Amino acid sequence: MGYADESKREDDPAPYSLNPTYPKNEISTPAATAEPITPEILLAMAY
């Protein structure tokens, strides 16, 4: 049964793999900072 549990654990991370960067992006996005998004920031992101 140990092997069966391990195989299930491998299948469980599947939902996380659908959006693995979501938590990281949420932290790195300007929304996480105190700065509001301004046209200057958008231009900086574009270039």
PDB file of N, CA and C in Angstrom:
ATOM      1  N   MET A   1       0.842  -1.211   0.000  1.00  0.00           N
ATOM      2  CA  MET A   1       0.000   0.000   0.000  1.00  0.00           C
ATOM      3  C   MET A   1       0.872   1.253   0.000  1.00  0.00           C
ATOM      4  N   GLY A   2       2.108   1.121   0.478  1.00  0.00           N
ATOM      5  CA  GLY A   2       3.009   2.272   0.487  1.00  0.00           C
ATOM      6  C   GLY A   2       3.225   2.811  -0.918  1.00  0.00           C
ATOM      7  N   TYR A   3       3.389   1.888  -1.873  1.00  0.00           N
ATOM      8  CA  TYR A   3       3.611   2.337  -3.259  1.00  0.00           C
ATOM      9  C   TYR A   3       2.371   3.044  -3.800  1.00  0.00           C
ATOM     10  N   ALA A   4       1.196   2.531  -3.438  1.00  0.00           N
ATOM     11  CA  ALA A   4      -0.052   3.145  -3.918  1.00  0.00           C
ATOM     12  C   ALA A   4      -0.162   4.574  -3.385  1.00  0.00           C
ATOM     13  N   ASP A   5       0.208   4.762  -2.118  1.00  0.00           N
ATOM     14  CA  ASP A   5       0.129   6.106  -1.537  1.00  0.00           C
ATOM     15  C   ASP A   5       1.101   7.048  -2.244  1.00  0.00           C
ATOM     16  N   GLU A   6       2.293   6.530  -2.564  1.00  0.00           N
ATOM     17  CA  GLU A   6       3.274   7.377  -3.242  1.00  0.00           C
ATOM     18  C   GLU A   6       2.774   7.784  -4.620  1.00  0.00           C
ATOM     19  N   SER A   7       2.150   6.844  -5.329  1.00  0.00           N
ATOM     20  CA  SER A   7       1.633   7.161  -6.667  1.00  0.00           C
ATOM     21  C   SER A   7       0.524   8.205  -6.558  1.00  0.00           C
ATOM     22  N   LYS A   8      -0.294   8.111  -5.516  1.00  0.00           N
ATOM     23  CA  LYS A   8      -1.366   9.104  -5.332  1.00  0.00           C
ATOM     24  C   LYS A   8      -0.754  10.470  -5.030  1.00  0.00           C
ATOM     25  N   ARG A   9       0.319  10.493  -4.255  1.00  0.00           N
ATOM     26  CA  ARG A   9       0.959  11.771  -3.940  1.00  0.00           C
ATOM     27  C   ARG A   9       1.496  12.415  -5.212  1.00  0.00           C
ATOM     28  N   GLU A  10       1.957  11.583  -6.142  1.00  0.00           N
ATOM     29  CA  GLU A  10       2.451  12.129  -7.410  1.00  0.00           C
ATOM     30  C   GLU A  10       1.304  12.732  -8.201  1.00  0.00           C
ATOM     31  N   ASP A  11       0.102  12.162  -8.079  1.00  0.00           N
ATOM     32  CA  ASP A  11      -1.069  12.687  -8.801  1.00  0.00           C
ATOM     33  C   ASP A  11      -1.620  13.933  -8.113  1.00  0.00           C
ATOM     34  N   ASP A  12      -1.447  14.038  -6.798  1.00  0.00           N
ATOM     35  CA  ASP A  12      -1.995  15.175  -6.057  1.00  0.00           C
ATOM     36  C   ASP A  12      -1.390  16.515  -6.497  1.00  0.00           C
ATOM     37  N   PRO A  13      -0.077  16.610  -6.710  1.00  0.00           N
ATOM     38  CA  PRO A  13       0.516  17.891  -7.122  1.00  0.00           C
ATOM     39  C   PRO A  13      -0.005  18.396  -8.460  1.00  0.00           C
ATOM     40  N   ALA A  14      -0.766  17.583  -9.186  1.00  0.00           N
ATOM     41  CA  ALA A  14      -1.285  18.003 -10.494  1.00  0.00           C
ATOM     42  C   ALA A  14      -2.033  19.334 -10.405  1.00  0.00           C
ATOM     43  N   PRO A  15      -2.987  19.497  -9.476  1.00  0.00           N
ATOM     44  CA  PRO A  15      -3.692  20.790  -9.371  1.00  0.00           C
ATOM     45  C   PRO A  15      -2.714  21.936  -9.128  1.00  0.00           C
ATOM     46  N   TYR A  16      -1.656  21.688  -8.353  1.00  0.00           N
ATOM     47  CA  TYR A  16      -0.681  22.750  -8.095  1.00  0.00           C
ATOM     48  C   TYR A  16       0.093  23.088  -9.364  1.00  0.00           C
ATOM     49  N   SER A  17       0.345  22.074 -10.203  1.00  0.00           N
ATOM     50  CA  SER A  17       1.118  22.302 -11.425  1.00  0.00           C
ATOM     51  C   SER A  17       0.320  23.132 -12.428  1.00  0.00           C
ATOM     52  N   LEU A  18      -1.012  23.155 -12.272  1.00  0.00           N
ATOM     53  CA  LEU A  18      -1.834  23.954 -13.191  1.00  0.00           C
ATOM     54  C   LEU A  18      -1.497  25.435 -13.036  1.00  0.00           C
ATOM     55  N   ASN A  19      -1.244  25.879 -11.806  1.00  0.00           N
ATOM     56  CA  ASN A  19      -0.859  27.272 -11.584  1.00  0.00           C
ATOM     57  C   ASN A  19       0.218  27.337 -10.495  1.00  0.00           C
ATOM     58  N   PRO A  20       1.417  26.818 -10.782  1.00  0.00           N
ATOM     59  CA  PRO A  20       2.479  26.773  -9.766  1.00  0.00           C
ATOM     60  C   PRO A  20       3.017  28.156  -9.442  1.00  0.00           C
ATOM     61  N   THR A  21       2.843  29.109 -10.357  1.00  0.00           N
ATOM     62  CA  THR A  21       3.419  30.438 -10.146  1.00  0.00           C
ATOM     63  C   THR A  21       2.425  31.387  -9.487  1.00  0.00           C
ATOM     64  N   TYR A  22       1.209  30.940  -9.262  1.00  0.00           N
ATOM     65  CA  TYR A  22       0.187  31.839  -8.707  1.00  0.00           C
ATOM     66  C   TYR A  22       0.630  32.465  -7.382  1.00  0.00           C
ATOM     67  N   PRO A  23       1.032  31.656  -6.378  1.00  0.00           N
ATOM     68  CA  PRO A  23       1.452  32.259  -5.098  1.00  0.00           C
ATOM     69  C   PRO A  23       2.662  33.169  -5.280  1.00  0.00           C
ATOM     70  N   LYS A  24       3.623  32.746  -6.097  1.00  0.00           N
ATOM     71  CA  LYS A  24       4.828  33.551  -6.295  1.00  0.00           C
ATOM     72  C   LYS A  24       4.479  34.853  -7.011  1.00  0.00           C
ATOM     73  N   ASN A  25       3.633  34.768  -8.038  1.00  0.00           N
ATOM     74  CA  ASN A  25       3.248  35.977  -8.770  1.00  0.00           C
ATOM     75  C   ASN A  25       2.490  36.932  -7.855  1.00  0.00           C
ATOM     76  N   GLU A  26       1.653  36.377  -7.000  1.00  0.00           N
ATOM     77  CA  GLU A  26       0.857  37.224  -6.113  1.00  0.00           C
ATOM     78  C   GLU A  26       1.773  38.033  -5.202  1.00  0.00           C
ATOM     79  N   ILE A  27       2.926  37.446  -4.848  1.00  0.00           N
ATOM     80  CA  ILE A  27       3.868  38.144  -3.974  1.00  0.00           C
ATOM     81  C   ILE A  27       4.673  39.178  -4.763  1.00  0.00           C
ATOM     82  N   SER A  28       5.003  38.849  -6.014  1.00  0.00           N
ATOM     83  CA  SER A  28       5.876  39.719  -6.798  1.00  0.00           C
ATOM     84  C   SER A  28       5.111  40.781  -7.570  1.00  0.00           C
ATOM     85  N   THR A  29       3.797  40.672  -7.636  1.00  0.00           N
ATOM     86  CA  THR A  29       3.017  41.649  -8.397  1.00  0.00           C
ATOM     87  C   THR A  29       2.975  42.981  -7.657  1.00  0.00           C
ATOM     88  N   PRO A  30       2.841  44.088  -8.381  1.00  0.00           N
ATOM     89  CA  PRO A  30       2.759  45.415  -7.757  1.00  0.00           C
ATOM     90  C   PRO A  30       1.628  45.488  -6.733  1.00  0.00           C
ATOM     91  N   ALA A  31       0.583  44.683  -6.916  1.00  0.00           N
ATOM     92  CA  ALA A  31      -0.545  44.696  -5.989  1.00  0.00           C
ATOM     93  C   ALA A  31      -0.088  44.308  -4.586  1.00  0.00           C
ATOM     94  N   ALA A  32       0.964  43.490  -4.487  1.00  0.00           N
ATOM     95  CA  ALA A  32       1.452  43.068  -3.183  1.00  0.00           C
ATOM     96  C   ALA A  32       2.204  44.207  -2.504  1.00  0.00           C
ATOM     97  N   THR A  33       2.676  45.170  -3.294  1.00  0.00           N
ATOM     98  CA  THR A  33       3.408  46.300  -2.723  1.00  0.00           C
ATOM     99  C   THR A  33       2.436  47.427  -2.399  1.00  0.00           C
ATOM    100  N   ALA A  34       2.922  48.457  -1.736  1.00  0.00           N
ATOM    101  CA  ALA A  34       2.060  49.584  -1.369  1.00  0.00           C
ATOM    102  C   ALA A  34       1.899  50.545  -2.537  1.00  0.00           C
ATOM    103  N   GLU A  35       2.664  50.335  -3.616  1.00  0.00           N
ATOM    104  CA  GLU A  35       2.605  51.257  -4.749  1.00  0.00           C
ATOM    105  C   GLU A  35       1.434  50.911  -5.669  1.00  0.00           C
ATOM    106  N   PRO A  36       0.610  51.895  -6.025  1.00  0.00           N
ATOM    107  CA  PRO A  36      -0.464  51.666  -6.991  1.00  0.00           C
ATOM    108  C   PRO A  36       0.107  51.546  -8.394  1.00  0.00           C
ATOM    109  N   ILE A  37      -0.598  50.869  -9.282  1.00  0.00           N
ATOM    110  CA  ILE A  37      -0.104  50.709 -10.652  1.00  0.00           C
ATOM    111  C   ILE A  37      -0.335  52.006 -11.427  1.00  0.00           C
ATOM    112  N   THR A  38       0.750  52.583 -11.912  1.00  0.00           N
ATOM    113  CA  THR A  38       0.662  53.840 -12.662  1.00  0.00           C
ATOM    114  C   THR A  38       1.067  53.589 -14.103  1.00  0.00           C
ATOM    115  N   PRO A  39       0.706  54.490 -15.026  1.00  0.00           N
ATOM    116  CA  PRO A  39       1.126  54.344 -16.429  1.00  0.00           C
ATOM    117  C   PRO A  39       2.640  54.195 -16.546  1.00  0.00           C
ATOM    118  N   GLU A  40       3.381  54.848 -15.664  1.00  0.00           N
ATOM    119  CA  GLU A  40       4.846  54.739 -15.700  1.00  0.00           C
ATOM    120  C   GLU A  40       5.274  53.303 -15.437  1.00  0.00           C
ATOM    121  N   ILE A  41       4.628  52.655 -14.476  1.00  0.00           N
ATOM    122  CA  ILE A  41       4.956  51.259 -14.164  1.00  0.00           C
ATOM    123  C   ILE A  41       4.601  50.366 -15.347  1.00  0.00           C
ATOM    124  N   LEU A  42       3.457  50.640 -15.972  1.00  0.00           N
ATOM    125  CA  LEU A  42       3.052  49.835 -17.132  1.00  0.00           C
ATOM    126  C   LEU A  42       4.069  49.997 -18.258  1.00  0.00           C
ATOM    127  N   LEU A  43       4.543  51.221 -18.464  1.00  0.00           N
ATOM    128  CA  LEU A  43       5.553  51.454 -19.504  1.00  0.00           C
ATOM    129  C   LEU A  43       6.846  50.723 -19.138  1.00  0.00           C
ATOM    130  N   ALA A  44       7.210  50.747 -17.868  1.00  0.00           N
ATOM    131  CA  ALA A  44       8.426  50.067 -17.425  1.00  0.00           C
ATOM    132  C   ALA A  44       8.298  48.562 -17.652  1.00  0.00           C
ATOM    133  N   MET A  45       7.094  48.024 -17.437  1.00  0.00           N
ATOM    134  CA  MET A  45       6.875  46.593 -17.650  1.00  0.00           C
ATOM    135  C   MET A  45       6.892  46.268 -19.141  1.00  0.00           C
ATOM    136  N   ALA A  46       6.390  47.202 -19.969  1.00  0.00           N
ATOM    137  CA  ALA A  46       6.345  46.971 -21.415  1.00  0.00           C
ATOM    138  C   ALA A  46       7.764  46.915 -21.978  1.00  0.00           C
ATOM    139  N   TYR A  47       8.636  47.760 -21.448  1.00  0.00           N
ATOM    140  CA  TYR A  47      10.028  47.739 -21.896  1.00  0.00           C
ATOM    141  C   TYR A  47      10.809  46.996 -20.856  1.00  0.00           C
TER     142      TYR A  47
END
